[in-house]
Amino acid sequence: MQKLEAHEMPLHKVFSSDYDFQIPDYQRPYAWQEEQALQLLTDLQEALDRATDEPYFLGSVVLVKNGGVPRADVIDGQQRLTTLTILLSVLRDLTEDPELRSDLDRLVMEPGAKIRGLAPRPRLTLRSRDADFFGKYVQTKDAVGTLLMLKEDALRTDAQKAILRNAAVLHRSLSASPEEDRLKLAQMLAERTFLVVVSTPDLDSAHRIFSVMNSRGLDLSPTDIFKSRIIGDLGPEASDECATVWEDAEEMLGRDDFAELFLHLRMIFAKKRAEQELLKEFPEQVLSHYLPGKAEVFVHDVVRPYADAYARIREARYESASGADAVNAWFRRLQQVDNNDWRPAALWALRHHEHDPAWLDAFMRALERLSASLFIRREYTTPRVRRYAELLRQLDEGQGLDSPALELTDDEKAGTRARLDGDLYLVGKIRKYVLLRLDELLARGQGVTYNHGLITVEHVLPQNPSSGSRWTALFDEEQRARWTHRLGNLVLLNRAKNSAAQNYDFAEKKVKYFTGRGGVVPFALTSQVLQHAEWTPGLLGTRQDELVGVLAEEWRL
């Protein structure tokens, strides 16, 4: 069993030659925001104002550290240690007392001691991407003033921007305090402020400790844990390269979408619905194929290409010498569905058929048809995910465009058509999707776009026509009940609802409600309505059949 040590330590012992803190490259970047940095300072100042000698605890750090060797890899506590270093550096550069400045500098920098064989070095070394920046603009004496002159948009990483913002907010707050108050704060930091330092020589043990501790910092995500296992399986040179590839992918997608990518990767590999949390299933279902010995393959053949595929799907920016527009159009349509369960299959397709736009066009067409049917029929999560899992199995078996899971059964076709032919408006989640899809089909060749800030679904025959209006003469109660909420009576508008205008008679409604600026209406579906002189039950019957027929032909129902 690995030896575990835990000690309460004042900061003057934490920031000493006993520890050479290193932030491993597999850790996420520094990410504390101004609110958190100010909260740390406020907590310290409030503890100081209480004017007692009670120790003030800042929480814990978890380290991988061997015996008496100073090097300590920080598993948990990076945010706190980094912010404390910024705070100490700001205090150092603000003071006019040479002795205090020297004392504070020794907490930030190891001055070195020839007689003890200690070279000058920073107490804390950030990840390789940010270490030089942090050393030059924070840890070096008199550097904070230069840091505050930098422009945020000129900085390379989000971590560097966070360092600049937090240094600025701490500097503003502390520079408004008298020198005497800053001295008291520095003294409290050194002597009365404690961290619980937990160390173990084993990385897995450190992660287990971290997982059960309640930290004040920003928690590691499952992807951070997976990264530590992957990078830990590599040699120094390969680990640096793979850490850079991993971080580039995470920055490209953003932290939330990068985490979602790993949910999709689990589905692509396991081909079944998740039964436990990702942290438990992913190592067994995915990482076990690559660890030990093939970690580099996982980074280059899985993380990088699938992250790139995710970005291209999300942003509809697939590129090819021909056919790219058609593929990107399918991506945009799929993203209008109210779930992302289709995405693993789309990722698989783009990963394996990137250079075949014709295949991708055909596959995405079939995938959109399947996802639309599942969506319109309001199929719930379990059978929906099972269907996509079966599709992934068939794709891996080489069935491709002939995968039976892509095809709709006769019952599914009938169920989809029945929903389209029913009271569509009353199914709130699907009505706009169906109408936008229909409008696109009606506007083929007209350069249709959905880039409107607001799109609403409206009735032609009102839901509650005024007594004595033309509507009550044209439609009896039974006819209103039959037609009000069906597809043929619905249109799209790019404006907010107008409760008064909704009840206009048809002629007035066309002029005042269904017409855009300059008499132009942006939707083909709505412009069709303007061509009619009267709105009657007979017209609605014909229009209903025609519109359902357009969708049925597109989706092969």
Protein backbone atom coordinates (compact mmCIF):
# COMPACT_ATOMS: atom_id res chain seq x y z
CA MET A 1 0.00 0.00 0.00
CA GLN A 2 1.29 3.46 -0.93
CA LYS A 3 2.23 5.74 1.95
CA LEU A 4 -0.14 8.67 2.41
CA GLU A 5 0.73 11.80 4.36
CA ALA A 6 -1.50 14.67 5.41
CA HIS A 7 -0.32 17.73 7.34
CA GLU A 8 -1.69 21.13 8.27
CA MET A 9 0.89 23.64 7.10
CA PRO A 10 1.19 27.45 7.28
CA LEU A 11 1.77 29.10 3.93
CA HIS A 12 5.37 30.00 4.79
CA LYS A 13 6.03 26.23 4.92
CA VAL A 14 3.91 25.48 1.86
CA PHE A 15 5.77 28.07 -0.23
CA SER A 16 9.21 26.92 0.83
CA SER A 17 12.09 24.82 -0.50
CA ASP A 18 10.27 21.73 0.84
CA TYR A 19 8.00 21.86 -2.21
CA ASP A 20 8.60 22.37 -5.90
CA PHE A 21 4.99 22.56 -7.12
CA GLN A 22 4.46 21.45 -10.73
CA ILE A 23 1.15 21.59 -12.59
CA PRO A 24 1.18 18.51 -14.90
CA ASP A 25 0.31 19.16 -18.53
CA TYR A 26 -2.68 16.81 -18.29
CA GLN A 27 -4.35 19.17 -15.82
CA ARG A 28 -6.92 21.63 -17.12
CA PRO A 29 -5.74 25.26 -17.42
CA TYR A 30 -5.94 27.87 -14.68
CA ALA A 31 -9.57 29.01 -14.73
CA TRP A 32 -10.50 30.94 -11.59
CA GLN A 33 -12.46 34.09 -12.40
CA GLU A 34 -12.36 37.54 -10.76
CA GLU A 35 -15.25 36.66 -8.47
CA GLN A 36 -13.35 33.71 -7.01
CA ALA A 37 -10.10 35.66 -6.63
CA LEU A 38 -11.90 38.52 -4.88
CA GLN A 39 -13.76 36.06 -2.66
CA LEU A 40 -10.44 34.58 -1.54
CA LEU A 41 -9.12 38.05 -0.67
CA THR A 42 -12.37 38.99 1.08
CA ASP A 43 -12.29 35.82 3.19
CA LEU A 44 -8.72 36.58 4.25
CA GLN A 45 -9.48 40.20 5.07
CA GLU A 46 -12.56 39.25 7.10
CA ALA A 47 -10.51 36.72 9.07
CA LEU A 48 -7.93 39.45 9.69
CA ASP A 49 -10.61 41.90 10.83
CA ARG A 50 -11.78 39.47 13.48
CA ALA A 51 -8.51 40.30 15.29
CA THR A 52 -7.94 36.87 16.77
CA ASP A 53 -4.99 34.52 16.62
CA GLU A 54 -7.11 31.70 15.26
CA PRO A 55 -5.61 29.89 12.27
CA TYR A 56 -7.39 30.37 8.97
CA PHE A 57 -7.78 27.27 6.79
CA LEU A 58 -7.87 27.59 3.01
CA GLY A 59 -8.74 23.97 2.31
CA SER A 60 -6.52 21.25 0.92
CA VAL A 61 -4.14 20.38 -1.87
CA VAL A 62 -3.53 16.86 -3.15
CA LEU A 63 -0.04 16.06 -4.42
CA VAL A 64 1.92 13.24 -5.95
CA LYS A 65 5.22 13.49 -4.08
CA ASN A 66 7.98 11.07 -3.21
CA GLY A 67 9.56 11.26 0.23
CA GLY A 68 12.03 14.08 0.77
CA VAL A 69 12.19 15.08 -2.91
CA PRO A 70 10.77 18.60 -3.34
CA ARG A 71 9.01 17.97 -6.66
CA ALA A 72 5.26 17.77 -6.09
CA ASP A 73 2.76 17.25 -8.93
CA VAL A 74 -0.47 19.06 -8.07
CA ILE A 75 -3.55 16.87 -8.54
CA ASP A 76 -5.97 19.17 -6.74
CA GLY A 77 -5.31 22.73 -5.60
CA GLN A 78 -3.91 24.34 -8.75
CA GLN A 79 -6.48 27.15 -8.74
CA ARG A 80 -5.81 28.01 -5.11
CA LEU A 81 -2.01 27.82 -5.32
CA THR A 82 -1.94 29.92 -8.49
CA THR A 83 -4.24 32.60 -7.06
CA LEU A 84 -2.25 32.72 -3.81
CA THR A 85 0.92 33.22 -5.86
CA ILE A 86 -0.72 36.10 -7.74
CA LEU A 87 -1.85 37.61 -4.42
CA LEU A 88 1.64 37.33 -2.88
CA SER A 89 3.20 38.84 -6.01
CA VAL A 90 0.79 41.79 -5.99
CA LEU A 91 1.53 42.43 -2.31
CA ARG A 92 5.26 42.19 -3.02
CA ASP A 93 5.18 44.70 -5.88
CA LEU A 94 2.94 47.15 -4.03
CA THR A 95 5.00 47.44 -0.86
CA GLU A 96 7.63 50.13 -0.40
CA ASP A 97 9.29 48.22 2.44
CA PRO A 98 12.43 46.50 1.05
CA GLU A 99 12.49 43.89 3.83
CA LEU A 100 8.82 42.95 3.34
CA ARG A 101 9.32 42.86 -0.41
CA SER A 102 12.21 40.44 0.02
CA ASP A 103 10.20 38.23 2.39
CA LEU A 104 7.25 38.08 0.00
CA ASP A 105 9.53 37.38 -2.96
CA ARG A 106 10.96 34.35 -1.11
CA LEU A 107 7.42 32.94 -0.87
CA VAL A 108 6.99 33.32 -4.62
CA MET A 109 10.51 32.40 -5.76
CA GLU A 110 13.10 29.97 -4.38
CA PRO A 111 16.13 32.30 -4.16
CA GLY A 112 18.56 29.41 -4.29
CA ALA A 113 21.38 28.55 -1.91
CA LYS A 114 24.74 27.51 -3.26
CA ILE A 115 25.74 25.88 0.02
CA ARG A 116 22.60 23.66 -0.18
CA GLY A 117 22.79 23.08 -3.91
CA LEU A 118 19.50 24.92 -4.56
CA ALA A 119 19.12 26.81 -7.83
CA PRO A 120 16.81 29.84 -8.05
CA ARG A 121 13.38 28.75 -9.32
CA PRO A 122 9.68 29.58 -8.92
CA ARG A 123 7.86 27.85 -6.09
CA LEU A 124 5.04 27.01 -8.51
CA THR A 125 5.43 26.03 -12.17
CA LEU A 126 2.29 26.13 -14.29
CA ARG A 127 1.60 23.92 -17.29
CA SER A 128 4.12 24.32 -20.09
CA ARG A 129 1.82 26.57 -22.14
CA ASP A 130 1.61 29.17 -19.38
CA ALA A 131 4.72 28.64 -17.24
CA ASP A 132 6.96 31.19 -18.99
CA PHE A 133 4.20 33.80 -19.01
CA PHE A 134 3.51 33.29 -15.30
CA GLY A 135 7.19 33.45 -14.45
CA LYS A 136 7.83 36.59 -16.50
CA TYR A 137 4.75 38.64 -15.59
CA VAL A 138 3.83 37.44 -12.09
CA GLN A 139 6.63 35.69 -10.25
CA THR A 140 9.48 37.96 -11.30
CA LYS A 141 10.00 40.88 -8.91
CA ASP A 142 8.34 44.13 -10.10
CA ALA A 143 6.61 42.26 -12.94
CA VAL A 144 2.98 42.87 -11.97
CA GLY A 145 3.01 46.46 -13.23
CA THR A 146 4.10 45.23 -16.66
CA LEU A 147 1.42 42.53 -16.60
CA LEU A 148 -1.31 45.09 -15.98
CA MET A 149 -0.27 47.01 -19.10
CA LEU A 150 -0.88 44.00 -21.38
CA LYS A 151 -3.96 43.81 -23.61
CA GLU A 152 -6.13 40.77 -22.91
CA ASP A 153 -6.88 40.07 -26.56
CA ALA A 154 -3.14 39.77 -27.27
CA LEU A 155 -2.68 36.86 -24.83
CA ARG A 156 -2.31 33.32 -26.13
CA THR A 157 -4.45 31.28 -23.76
CA ASP A 158 -7.56 31.59 -21.62
CA ALA A 159 -5.38 30.84 -18.58
CA GLN A 160 -3.17 33.85 -19.29
CA LYS A 161 -6.26 36.04 -19.63
CA ALA A 162 -7.55 34.76 -16.28
CA ILE A 163 -4.16 35.51 -14.68
CA LEU A 164 -4.26 39.09 -16.03
CA ARG A 165 -7.87 39.68 -14.91
CA ASN A 166 -7.29 38.29 -11.42
CA ALA A 167 -4.04 40.19 -10.94
CA ALA A 168 -5.82 43.39 -12.00
CA VAL A 169 -8.75 42.95 -9.62
CA LEU A 170 -6.47 42.05 -6.68
CA HIS A 171 -4.18 44.98 -7.49
CA ARG A 172 -7.13 47.44 -7.59
CA SER A 173 -8.42 46.22 -4.27
CA LEU A 174 -5.08 46.12 -2.46
CA SER A 175 -3.72 49.38 -3.85
CA ALA A 176 -6.66 51.14 -2.18
CA SER A 177 -5.57 49.78 1.22
CA PRO A 178 -3.00 51.50 3.45
CA GLU A 179 0.49 50.01 3.57
CA GLU A 180 -0.08 49.05 7.19
CA ASP A 181 -3.14 46.93 6.27
CA ARG A 182 -1.22 45.20 3.49
CA LEU A 183 1.55 44.36 5.97
CA LYS A 184 -0.97 42.78 8.35
CA LEU A 185 -2.46 40.78 5.50
CA ALA A 186 0.99 39.55 4.44
CA GLN A 187 1.79 38.53 8.02
CA MET A 188 -1.49 36.68 8.33
CA LEU A 189 -0.87 34.89 5.04
CA ALA A 190 2.55 33.68 6.13
CA GLU A 191 1.82 32.65 9.73
CA ARG A 192 -1.90 32.17 10.31
CA THR A 193 -3.11 30.85 6.99
CA PHE A 194 -3.00 27.05 6.63
CA LEU A 195 -3.48 24.44 3.94
CA VAL A 196 -3.98 20.73 4.49
CA VAL A 197 -1.31 19.16 2.30
CA VAL A 198 -2.14 15.58 1.31
CA SER A 199 0.59 13.71 -0.56
CA THR A 200 1.06 10.21 -1.90
CA PRO A 201 3.71 8.83 -4.29
CA ASP A 202 1.03 7.13 -6.42
CA LEU A 203 -1.08 8.96 -9.06
CA ASP A 204 -4.07 6.59 -8.85
CA SER A 205 -4.12 6.94 -5.07
CA ALA A 206 -4.01 10.73 -5.40
CA HIS A 207 -7.03 10.67 -7.73
CA ARG A 208 -8.95 8.43 -5.31
CA ILE A 209 -8.21 10.89 -2.52
CA PHE A 210 -9.30 13.78 -4.68
CA SER A 211 -12.58 12.09 -5.63
CA VAL A 212 -13.75 11.90 -2.01
CA MET A 213 -12.55 15.31 -0.82
CA ASN A 214 -14.75 18.39 -0.83
CA SER A 215 -12.57 21.01 -2.48
CA ARG A 216 -13.23 24.74 -2.85
CA GLY A 217 -11.65 24.72 -6.27
CA LEU A 218 -13.12 23.88 -9.69
CA ASP A 219 -13.57 20.11 -9.83
CA LEU A 220 -11.69 17.98 -12.29
CA SER A 221 -14.02 16.60 -14.91
CA PRO A 222 -13.99 12.95 -16.06
CA THR A 223 -12.07 14.07 -19.16
CA ASP A 224 -9.30 15.46 -16.91
CA ILE A 225 -9.04 12.09 -15.19
CA PHE A 226 -8.93 10.26 -18.53
CA LYS A 227 -6.26 12.67 -19.70
CA SER A 228 -4.10 11.92 -16.67
CA ARG A 229 -4.26 8.19 -17.43
CA ILE A 230 -3.46 8.67 -21.09
CA ILE A 231 -0.57 11.10 -20.54
CA GLY A 232 0.72 9.00 -17.65
CA ASP A 233 1.13 6.06 -20.05
CA LEU A 234 3.52 8.02 -22.27
CA GLY A 235 7.17 9.01 -22.14
CA PRO A 236 8.18 12.66 -21.58
CA GLU A 237 8.42 13.66 -25.25
CA ALA A 238 5.22 11.93 -26.34
CA SER A 239 3.33 13.18 -23.27
CA ASP A 240 4.13 16.82 -24.08
CA GLU A 241 2.98 16.42 -27.68
CA CYS A 242 -0.18 14.52 -26.76
CA ALA A 243 -1.04 16.98 -23.97
CA THR A 244 -0.86 19.78 -26.55
CA VAL A 245 -3.11 17.88 -28.98
CA TRP A 246 -5.60 17.17 -26.19
CA GLU A 247 -5.68 20.78 -25.01
CA ASP A 248 -6.05 22.09 -28.56
CA ALA A 249 -9.09 19.85 -28.99
CA GLU A 250 -10.59 20.98 -25.68
CA GLU A 251 -10.05 24.66 -26.48
CA MET A 252 -11.55 24.21 -29.95
CA LEU A 253 -14.77 22.66 -28.60
CA GLY A 254 -14.98 24.39 -25.24
CA ARG A 255 -15.06 22.49 -21.98
CA ASP A 256 -18.76 21.52 -22.05
CA ASP A 257 -18.82 20.24 -25.64
CA PHE A 258 -15.50 18.45 -25.11
CA ALA A 259 -17.09 16.60 -22.18
CA GLU A 260 -20.11 15.77 -24.35
CA LEU A 261 -17.80 14.40 -27.04
CA PHE A 262 -16.62 11.74 -24.58
CA LEU A 263 -20.22 10.68 -23.97
CA HIS A 264 -20.56 10.18 -27.73
CA LEU A 265 -17.23 8.32 -27.92
CA ARG A 266 -18.46 5.94 -25.23
CA MET A 267 -21.56 5.28 -27.37
CA ILE A 268 -19.49 4.75 -30.52
CA PHE A 269 -17.29 2.18 -28.79
CA ALA A 270 -19.81 0.48 -26.47
CA LYS A 271 -22.83 0.66 -28.81
CA LYS A 272 -25.29 0.55 -25.97
CA ARG A 273 -27.06 2.91 -23.63
CA ALA A 274 -25.06 4.12 -20.65
CA GLU A 275 -25.82 2.22 -17.45
CA GLN A 276 -23.40 4.01 -15.10
CA GLU A 277 -21.61 7.34 -14.94
CA LEU A 278 -18.98 8.07 -17.58
CA LEU A 279 -16.11 7.96 -15.08
CA LYS A 280 -16.87 4.28 -14.44
CA GLU A 281 -17.79 3.11 -17.94
CA PHE A 282 -15.35 4.96 -20.19
CA PRO A 283 -12.14 3.34 -18.87
CA GLU A 284 -13.59 -0.14 -19.36
CA GLN A 285 -15.46 0.43 -22.60
CA VAL A 286 -12.98 2.72 -24.37
CA LEU A 287 -9.63 3.24 -22.64
CA SER A 288 -9.12 -0.49 -22.13
CA HIS A 289 -8.58 -0.74 -25.92
CA TYR A 290 -5.59 1.62 -25.66
CA LEU A 291 -4.07 1.20 -22.19
CA PRO A 292 -1.44 0.20 -21.59
CA GLY A 293 0.80 0.80 -24.55
CA LYS A 294 -1.38 2.59 -27.13
CA ALA A 295 -2.18 5.90 -25.45
CA GLU A 296 -0.65 7.88 -28.31
CA VAL A 297 -2.95 6.10 -30.77
CA PHE A 298 -5.97 7.13 -28.68
CA VAL A 299 -4.97 10.79 -28.78
CA HIS A 300 -4.15 10.93 -32.49
CA ASP A 301 -6.73 8.47 -33.87
CA VAL A 302 -9.65 9.11 -31.54
CA VAL A 303 -9.52 12.41 -29.65
CA ARG A 304 -8.16 14.65 -32.39
CA PRO A 305 -10.21 13.41 -35.40
CA TYR A 306 -13.45 13.04 -33.46
CA ALA A 307 -13.06 16.49 -31.89
CA ASP A 308 -12.53 17.91 -35.36
CA ALA A 309 -15.59 16.03 -36.63
CA TYR A 310 -17.66 17.33 -33.69
CA ALA A 311 -16.66 20.92 -34.49
CA ARG A 312 -17.50 20.56 -38.18
CA ILE A 313 -20.90 19.07 -37.40
CA ARG A 314 -21.68 21.67 -34.75
CA GLU A 315 -20.68 24.57 -37.00
CA ALA A 316 -21.85 22.99 -40.28
CA ARG A 317 -18.46 23.61 -41.89
CA TYR A 318 -17.61 20.37 -43.64
CA GLU A 319 -15.32 21.09 -46.58
CA SER A 320 -14.88 19.24 -49.85
CA ALA A 321 -14.15 20.03 -53.49
CA SER A 322 -17.81 19.28 -54.21
CA GLY A 323 -20.91 18.37 -52.26
CA ALA A 324 -20.02 20.16 -49.02
CA ASP A 325 -23.08 22.43 -49.07
CA ALA A 326 -25.45 19.46 -49.17
CA VAL A 327 -23.70 17.75 -46.24
CA ASN A 328 -23.66 20.93 -44.15
CA ALA A 329 -27.35 21.44 -44.83
CA TRP A 330 -28.05 18.04 -43.26
CA PHE A 331 -26.00 19.02 -40.20
CA ARG A 332 -28.10 22.16 -39.80
CA ARG A 333 -31.34 20.20 -40.12
CA LEU A 334 -30.27 17.58 -37.60
CA GLN A 335 -29.40 20.24 -35.06
CA GLN A 336 -33.03 21.37 -35.02
CA VAL A 337 -34.02 18.06 -33.37
CA ASP A 338 -34.44 18.35 -29.60
CA ASN A 339 -31.80 15.74 -28.69
CA ASN A 340 -28.23 14.83 -29.65
CA ASP A 341 -28.67 11.05 -29.77
CA TRP A 342 -28.07 11.12 -33.53
CA ARG A 343 -24.64 12.68 -33.11
CA PRO A 344 -22.52 9.54 -32.47
CA ALA A 345 -23.66 8.09 -35.80
CA ALA A 346 -22.91 11.39 -37.55
CA LEU A 347 -19.48 11.51 -35.90
CA TRP A 348 -18.76 7.95 -36.98
CA ALA A 349 -19.79 8.76 -40.55
CA LEU A 350 -17.64 11.89 -40.79
CA ARG A 351 -14.67 10.10 -39.19
CA HIS A 352 -14.80 7.14 -41.59
CA HIS A 353 -16.09 8.79 -44.81
CA GLU A 354 -14.61 12.26 -44.59
CA HIS A 355 -13.39 12.16 -48.20
CA ASP A 356 -16.63 10.85 -49.73
CA PRO A 357 -19.17 13.71 -49.80
CA ALA A 358 -21.63 11.73 -51.91
CA TRP A 359 -21.71 8.94 -49.31
CA LEU A 360 -22.03 11.47 -46.49
CA ASP A 361 -24.89 13.23 -48.28
CA ALA A 362 -26.79 9.94 -48.68
CA PHE A 363 -26.09 8.83 -45.11
CA MET A 364 -27.01 12.15 -43.49
CA ARG A 365 -30.22 12.23 -45.52
CA ALA A 366 -31.14 8.80 -44.13
CA LEU A 367 -30.04 9.78 -40.61
CA GLU A 368 -32.15 12.96 -40.71
CA ARG A 369 -35.17 10.93 -41.87
CA LEU A 370 -34.71 8.49 -38.98
CA SER A 371 -34.14 11.22 -36.38
CA ALA A 372 -37.11 13.21 -37.69
CA SER A 373 -39.42 10.21 -37.41
CA LEU A 374 -38.24 9.42 -33.88
CA PHE A 375 -38.66 13.09 -32.94
CA ILE A 376 -42.10 13.54 -34.52
CA ARG A 377 -43.43 10.32 -32.99
CA ARG A 378 -41.99 11.47 -29.61
CA GLU A 379 -40.13 8.21 -29.15
CA TYR A 380 -38.67 8.27 -25.65
CA THR A 381 -34.99 8.03 -24.76
CA THR A 382 -34.42 4.29 -24.23
CA PRO A 383 -35.78 2.94 -27.55
CA ARG A 384 -34.31 5.94 -29.36
CA VAL A 385 -30.81 5.29 -28.02
CA ARG A 386 -31.13 1.57 -28.64
CA ARG A 387 -31.97 2.31 -32.27
CA TYR A 388 -28.86 4.44 -32.73
CA ALA A 389 -26.75 1.83 -30.91
CA GLU A 390 -27.97 -0.83 -33.34
CA LEU A 391 -27.14 1.50 -36.22
CA LEU A 392 -23.58 1.90 -34.91
CA ARG A 393 -23.22 -1.88 -34.66
CA GLN A 394 -24.37 -2.29 -38.25
CA LEU A 395 -22.05 0.47 -39.45
CA ASP A 396 -19.10 -1.21 -37.74
CA GLU A 397 -20.08 -4.46 -39.46
CA GLY A 398 -19.80 -2.71 -42.81
CA GLN A 399 -23.49 -2.48 -43.75
CA GLY A 400 -23.19 1.25 -44.39
CA LEU A 401 -26.08 2.83 -46.28
CA ASP A 402 -27.88 -0.54 -46.30
CA SER A 403 -28.00 -0.72 -42.49
CA PRO A 404 -31.52 -1.91 -41.57
CA ALA A 405 -31.51 0.37 -38.52
CA LEU A 406 -31.53 3.37 -40.89
CA GLU A 407 -34.79 2.25 -42.50
CA LEU A 408 -38.25 2.94 -41.11
CA THR A 409 -40.68 0.09 -40.58
CA ASP A 410 -44.17 0.29 -42.04
CA ASP A 411 -45.56 1.02 -38.58
CA GLU A 412 -43.02 3.82 -38.07
CA LYS A 413 -43.91 5.37 -41.40
CA ALA A 414 -47.61 5.21 -40.60
CA GLY A 415 -47.03 6.63 -37.11
CA THR A 416 -45.01 9.54 -38.48
CA ARG A 417 -47.60 10.34 -41.14
CA ALA A 418 -50.43 10.12 -38.62
CA ARG A 419 -48.73 12.65 -36.36
CA LEU A 420 -48.15 15.00 -39.34
CA ASP A 421 -51.82 14.66 -40.33
CA GLY A 422 -53.14 15.25 -36.81
CA ASP A 423 -53.37 18.24 -34.50
CA LEU A 424 -49.73 19.21 -35.05
CA TYR A 425 -49.93 22.55 -33.25
CA LEU A 426 -50.78 20.85 -29.96
CA VAL A 427 -47.45 18.97 -29.99
CA GLY A 428 -45.37 21.99 -29.06
CA LYS A 429 -41.94 20.43 -29.35
CA ILE A 430 -42.26 19.35 -32.96
CA ARG A 431 -44.48 21.93 -34.66
CA LYS A 432 -41.80 24.50 -35.48
CA TYR A 433 -39.37 21.79 -36.64
CA VAL A 434 -41.96 20.33 -39.03
CA LEU A 435 -43.01 23.73 -40.40
CA LEU A 436 -39.43 24.89 -40.95
CA ARG A 437 -38.61 21.63 -42.72
CA LEU A 438 -41.73 21.98 -44.85
CA ASP A 439 -40.99 25.63 -45.64
CA GLU A 440 -37.53 24.65 -46.83
CA LEU A 441 -38.99 22.05 -49.17
CA LEU A 442 -41.51 24.54 -50.57
CA ALA A 443 -38.78 27.14 -51.12
CA ARG A 444 -36.28 24.91 -52.95
CA GLY A 445 -34.24 26.97 -55.35
CA GLN A 446 -35.11 30.22 -53.58
CA GLY A 447 -32.15 30.36 -51.20
CA VAL A 448 -34.20 29.74 -48.04
CA THR A 449 -32.62 30.70 -44.74
CA TYR A 450 -33.66 30.35 -41.09
CA ASN A 451 -31.53 33.19 -39.74
CA HIS A 452 -34.42 35.07 -38.13
CA GLY A 453 -34.10 36.29 -34.57
CA LEU A 454 -37.63 35.15 -33.75
CA ILE A 455 -39.85 32.60 -35.50
CA THR A 456 -43.40 31.87 -34.34
CA VAL A 457 -46.05 29.38 -35.45
CA GLU A 458 -49.41 31.03 -36.13
CA HIS A 459 -52.95 29.95 -37.08
CA VAL A 460 -54.75 31.27 -40.14
CA LEU A 461 -58.17 30.23 -38.86
CA PRO A 462 -57.91 31.64 -35.31
CA GLN A 463 -58.15 29.44 -32.23
CA ASN A 464 -60.91 31.64 -30.79
CA PRO A 465 -62.62 33.64 -33.56
CA SER A 466 -64.79 36.54 -32.49
CA SER A 467 -68.51 35.93 -32.34
CA GLY A 468 -70.19 37.20 -35.51
CA SER A 469 -66.92 37.31 -37.49
CA ARG A 470 -66.50 35.99 -41.01
CA TRP A 471 -64.74 32.96 -39.51
CA THR A 472 -67.86 31.76 -37.69
CA ALA A 473 -69.82 32.03 -40.93
CA LEU A 474 -67.31 29.94 -42.88
CA PHE A 475 -66.59 27.29 -40.21
CA ASP A 476 -69.04 25.62 -37.86
CA GLU A 477 -67.82 24.30 -34.50
CA GLU A 478 -67.12 20.81 -35.82
CA GLN A 479 -65.06 22.17 -38.73
CA ARG A 480 -63.10 24.48 -36.42
CA ALA A 481 -62.36 21.54 -34.12
CA ARG A 482 -61.17 19.52 -37.13
CA TRP A 483 -58.94 22.12 -38.81
CA THR A 484 -57.70 24.72 -36.32
CA HIS A 485 -54.54 22.93 -35.14
CA ARG A 486 -53.69 20.91 -38.26
CA LEU A 487 -50.77 21.51 -40.57
CA GLY A 488 -52.79 23.10 -43.37
CA ASN A 489 -53.92 25.92 -41.07
CA LEU A 490 -50.46 26.81 -39.72
CA VAL A 491 -47.92 29.35 -40.97
CA LEU A 492 -44.59 30.82 -39.85
CA LEU A 493 -43.97 34.45 -38.92
CA ASN A 494 -40.74 36.20 -37.96
CA ARG A 495 -42.38 38.44 -35.37
CA ALA A 496 -43.87 38.23 -31.90
CA LYS A 497 -47.45 37.07 -31.48
CA ASN A 498 -50.12 39.78 -31.66
CA SER A 499 -53.19 38.66 -29.72
CA ALA A 500 -55.45 41.24 -31.35
CA ALA A 501 -54.31 40.62 -34.92
CA GLN A 502 -54.70 36.85 -34.58
CA ASN A 503 -58.49 37.21 -34.77
CA TYR A 504 -58.64 39.44 -37.85
CA ASP A 505 -60.84 38.23 -40.69
CA PHE A 506 -58.86 36.59 -43.50
CA ALA A 507 -58.59 39.59 -45.84
CA GLU A 508 -57.40 41.93 -43.09
CA LYS A 509 -55.11 39.28 -41.61
CA LYS A 510 -53.30 38.87 -44.93
CA VAL A 511 -52.59 42.58 -45.16
CA LYS A 512 -51.78 43.43 -41.55
CA TYR A 513 -50.47 40.20 -40.03
CA PHE A 514 -49.08 37.83 -42.63
CA THR A 515 -47.18 40.40 -44.69
CA GLY A 516 -43.65 41.57 -43.93
CA ARG A 517 -41.99 44.91 -44.54
CA GLY A 518 -42.65 46.21 -48.04
CA GLY A 519 -45.21 43.48 -48.65
CA VAL A 520 -42.58 40.73 -48.59
CA VAL A 521 -43.03 37.65 -46.40
CA PRO A 522 -39.86 35.61 -45.66
CA PHE A 523 -41.50 32.16 -45.56
CA ALA A 524 -42.70 30.22 -48.60
CA LEU A 525 -45.30 28.46 -46.45
CA THR A 526 -46.83 31.79 -45.45
CA SER A 527 -46.62 33.35 -48.90
CA GLN A 528 -48.84 30.53 -50.24
CA VAL A 529 -51.62 31.72 -47.94
CA LEU A 530 -51.49 35.21 -49.45
CA GLN A 531 -52.43 33.79 -52.85
CA HIS A 532 -55.92 32.78 -51.70
CA ALA A 533 -58.93 35.07 -51.69
CA GLU A 534 -60.82 33.07 -49.05
CA TRP A 535 -59.96 30.53 -46.36
CA THR A 536 -62.53 27.72 -46.30
CA PRO A 537 -62.86 24.14 -45.04
CA GLY A 538 -62.57 22.83 -48.60
CA LEU A 539 -59.37 24.78 -49.22
CA LEU A 540 -57.94 23.55 -45.93
CA GLY A 541 -58.67 19.93 -46.87
CA THR A 542 -56.80 20.30 -50.16
CA ARG A 543 -53.92 22.20 -48.56
CA GLN A 544 -53.60 19.64 -45.76
CA ASP A 545 -53.25 16.77 -48.22
CA GLU A 546 -50.72 18.66 -50.31
CA LEU A 547 -48.49 19.68 -47.39
CA VAL A 548 -48.53 16.26 -45.73
CA GLY A 549 -47.74 14.83 -49.16
CA VAL A 550 -44.66 17.05 -49.54
CA LEU A 551 -43.24 15.78 -46.22
CA ALA A 552 -44.27 12.20 -46.95
CA GLU A 553 -42.39 12.30 -50.24
CA GLU A 554 -39.28 13.85 -48.66
CA TRP A 555 -39.17 11.32 -45.81
CA ARG A 556 -40.44 8.40 -47.93
CA LEU A 557 -43.44 7.72 -45.71
